[in-house]
C-alpha cells in the first residue's frame, strides 16, 4: 500500500462508518414510526369501539321503555282486555316511532313519481294514475340522514290497457 492509499482508505473507512451510522439512525426512526403507527391504529380502533358502544347504549336506553310498554300490552292481552291491548299496542308504536325519529330516522315520501334511489318497485299495475307514479305502498321505507336504510317497497302505475279493437267478421259482401 502506498502512502497515498493509506489516507484514502482511512477516509473511506470513516465515510463507511458514517453511512452505517446514518443507516442505523434511519432504521431506528423507521421502526419507531412503525410502532407509533401501530399504536395509533390500535388506539383508533379502541376509540371507535367505545363510541359504537356508547351509541348502542343510548339507543338501547331509548328502546327499553318501549319494551316495558310492550310487556304491559301482552299482560293486557293475557287478561283479555282488548281495549287495553289495542291502547298498549298504539302506545308501543308511538313510543318506538318517537325513539327512532329522535335518532334521525325519517320515513321516505312515497307520494308522486317513482324514484329508484328511494323506492323499490315490486310490480307495475295498469292504472288511471300517471304512468310511473306510486299508487300503493307495500312496505314503508326509511332514511337516516341522507342514507337509505330501507327503500320503500311500492306498486307503480303502468299505462291503462288499450281497449281491444272489435274486428268485423268476414262475410260475403
Protein backbone atom coordinates (compact mmCIF):
# COMPACT_ATOMS: atom_id res chain seq x y z
CA UNK A 1 0.00 0.00 0.00
CA UNK A 2 1.36 3.37 -0.94
CA UNK A 3 1.35 6.44 1.25
CA UNK A 4 -1.42 7.99 -0.90
CA UNK A 5 -3.68 4.97 -0.48
CA UNK A 6 -3.46 4.84 3.32
CA UNK A 7 -5.17 8.25 3.95
CA UNK A 8 -7.65 7.49 1.17
CA UNK A 9 -8.57 4.14 2.76
CA UNK A 10 -8.85 5.77 6.18
CA UNK A 11 -11.19 8.35 4.61
CA UNK A 12 -13.28 5.59 3.00
CA UNK A 13 -13.48 3.67 6.25
CA UNK A 14 -14.53 6.84 8.04
CA UNK A 15 -17.16 7.52 5.34
CA UNK A 16 -18.38 3.89 5.57
CA UNK A 17 -18.77 4.20 9.35
CA UNK A 18 -20.68 7.46 8.83
CA UNK A 19 -23.03 5.88 6.27
CA UNK A 20 -23.60 2.84 8.52
CA UNK A 21 -24.41 5.12 11.48
CA UNK A 22 -26.82 7.11 9.28
CA UNK A 23 -28.43 3.87 8.09
CA UNK A 24 -28.87 2.68 11.69
CA UNK A 25 -30.46 6.04 12.63
CA UNK A 26 -32.91 5.81 9.70
CA UNK A 27 -33.71 2.19 10.54
CA UNK A 28 -34.31 3.12 14.19
CA UNK A 29 -36.51 6.06 13.10
CA UNK A 30 -38.47 3.79 10.75
CA UNK A 31 -39.03 1.21 13.50
CA UNK A 32 -40.23 3.94 15.90
CA UNK A 33 -42.55 5.34 13.22
CA UNK A 34 -43.98 1.84 12.53
CA UNK A 35 -44.57 1.32 16.26
CA UNK A 36 -46.24 4.75 16.60
CA UNK A 37 -48.49 3.99 13.64
CA UNK A 38 -49.41 0.59 15.08
CA UNK A 39 -50.25 2.23 18.43
CA UNK A 40 -52.31 4.89 16.62
CA UNK A 41 -54.22 2.21 14.69
CA UNK A 42 -54.96 0.25 17.88
CA UNK A 43 -55.98 3.41 19.80
CA UNK A 44 -58.28 4.49 16.96
CA UNK A 45 -59.89 1.03 16.86
CA UNK A 46 -60.48 1.14 20.65
CA UNK A 47 -61.98 4.64 20.42
CA UNK A 48 -64.23 3.58 17.55
CA UNK A 49 -65.39 0.55 19.55
CA UNK A 50 -66.08 2.71 22.60
CA UNK A 51 -68.01 5.25 20.52
CA UNK A 52 -70.12 2.47 18.96
CA UNK A 53 -70.80 1.02 22.40
CA UNK A 54 -71.94 4.43 23.71
CA UNK A 55 -74.20 4.92 20.69
CA UNK A 56 -75.70 1.45 21.11
CA UNK A 57 -76.15 2.07 24.83
CA UNK A 58 -78.02 5.31 24.14
CA UNK A 59 -80.28 3.63 21.57
CA UNK A 60 -80.99 0.72 23.90
CA UNK A 61 -81.82 3.21 26.65
CA UNK A 62 -84.40 4.72 24.28
CA UNK A 63 -85.85 1.28 23.45
CA UNK A 64 -86.17 -0.12 26.99
CA UNK A 65 -89.31 1.91 27.88
CA UNK A 66 -90.87 0.61 24.67
CA UNK A 67 -90.09 -2.94 25.75
CA UNK A 68 -91.81 -2.18 29.06
CA UNK A 69 -94.89 -0.88 27.22
CA UNK A 70 -94.96 -3.98 25.04
CA UNK A 71 -94.84 -6.22 28.13
CA UNK A 72 -97.80 -4.30 29.60
CA UNK A 73 -99.71 -4.77 26.34
CA UNK A 74 -99.01 -8.52 26.43
CA UNK A 75 -100.24 -8.67 30.03
CA UNK A 76 -103.46 -6.94 28.94
CA UNK A 77 -103.84 -9.49 26.13
CA UNK A 78 -103.43 -12.33 28.63
CA UNK A 79 -106.23 -10.81 30.70
CA UNK A 80 -108.43 -10.50 27.56
CA UNK A 81 -108.78 -6.77 27.83
CA UNK A 82 -109.00 -5.94 24.11
CA UNK A 83 -109.37 -2.19 24.60
CA UNK A 84 -106.28 -2.09 26.80
CA UNK A 85 -104.41 -4.32 24.35
CA UNK A 86 -105.16 -2.00 21.41
CA UNK A 87 -104.23 1.02 23.51
CA UNK A 88 -100.99 -0.71 24.57
CA UNK A 89 -100.01 -1.56 21.01
CA UNK A 90 -100.73 2.00 19.89
CA UNK A 91 -98.60 3.30 22.77
CA UNK A 92 -95.72 0.98 21.82
CA UNK A 93 -95.96 2.06 18.17
CA UNK A 94 -95.99 5.74 19.11
CA UNK A 95 -93.05 5.37 21.53
CA UNK A 96 -90.97 3.36 19.05
CA UNK A 97 -91.68 5.84 16.25
CA UNK A 98 -90.68 8.72 18.53
CA UNK A 99 -87.47 7.00 19.66
CA UNK A 100 -86.44 6.24 16.08
CA UNK A 101 -87.27 9.80 14.99
CA UNK A 102 -85.09 11.17 17.79
CA UNK A 103 -82.25 9.06 16.40
CA UNK A 104 -82.81 10.71 12.98
CA UNK A 105 -84.89 8.06 11.21
CA UNK A 106 -87.29 9.60 8.67
CA UNK A 107 -89.99 7.89 6.63
CA UNK A 108 -89.42 8.07 2.86
CA UNK A 109 -92.04 10.08 0.99
CA UNK A 110 -93.98 7.83 -1.39
CA UNK A 111 -96.47 10.27 -2.93
CA UNK A 112 -95.71 11.22 -6.52
CA UNK A 113 -93.34 9.75 -9.06
CA UNK A 114 -91.32 6.57 -8.57
CA UNK A 115 -87.71 7.32 -7.55
CA UNK A 116 -85.33 4.34 -7.91
CA UNK A 117 -82.99 5.90 -5.32
CA UNK A 118 -85.53 5.55 -2.52
CA UNK A 119 -88.24 3.22 -3.88
CA UNK A 120 -88.20 -0.46 -4.81
CA UNK A 121 -90.85 -1.32 -7.39
CA UNK A 122 -92.42 -4.67 -6.60
CA UNK A 123 -94.73 -4.58 -9.60
CA UNK A 124 -96.42 -2.27 -12.02
CA UNK A 125 -100.16 -2.24 -12.34
CA UNK A 126 -102.39 -0.71 -15.00
CA UNK A 127 -103.95 2.40 -13.56
CA UNK A 128 -105.66 5.64 -14.42
CA UNK A 129 -102.92 7.42 -12.43
CA UNK A 130 -99.98 8.95 -14.25
CA UNK A 131 -97.65 6.28 -15.59
CA UNK A 132 -94.61 5.85 -13.32
CA UNK A 133 -96.31 7.23 -10.21
CA UNK A 134 -96.53 5.33 -6.94
CA UNK A 135 -100.06 4.01 -6.45
CA UNK A 136 -99.60 1.75 -3.41
CA UNK A 137 -97.07 1.25 -0.63
CA UNK A 138 -96.45 -2.37 0.35
CA UNK A 139 -93.77 -1.57 2.95
CA UNK A 140 -92.67 1.83 4.23
CA UNK A 141 -89.09 2.92 3.60
CA UNK A 142 -86.79 4.89 5.88
CA UNK A 143 -83.75 7.16 5.67
CA UNK A 144 -81.18 8.03 8.32
CA UNK A 145 -79.94 11.45 7.29
CA UNK A 146 -79.42 11.19 3.52
CA UNK A 147 -78.71 7.44 3.65
CA UNK A 148 -81.48 4.99 2.71
CA UNK A 149 -81.82 2.40 5.48
CA UNK A 150 -84.61 0.54 3.69
CA UNK A 151 -86.22 1.57 0.39
CA UNK A 152 -90.00 1.90 0.26
CA UNK A 153 -91.48 -1.13 -1.50
CA UNK A 154 -94.14 0.19 -3.85
CA UNK A 155 -96.53 -0.59 -6.68
CA UNK A 156 -96.03 1.65 -9.70
CA UNK A 157 -98.72 2.78 -12.16
CA UNK A 158 -98.48 1.38 -15.67
CA UNK A 159 -100.37 2.65 -18.70
CA UNK A 160 -104.00 1.51 -18.72
CA UNK A 161 -104.64 -1.40 -21.06
CA UNK A 162 -105.58 -0.45 -24.60
CA UNK A 163 -109.21 -1.31 -25.39
CA UNK A 164 -109.24 -4.20 -27.83
CA UNK A 165 -110.43 -3.12 -31.30
CA UNK A 166 -113.50 -5.05 -32.35
CA UNK A 167 -112.95 -6.97 -35.52
CA UNK A 168 -115.72 -7.20 -38.06
CA UNK A 169 -116.48 -10.74 -39.19
CA UNK A 170 -115.51 -11.50 -42.72
CA UNK A 171 -118.55 -12.02 -44.78
CA UNK A 172 -119.76 -12.39 -48.32
CA UNK A 173 -120.04 -8.95 -49.37
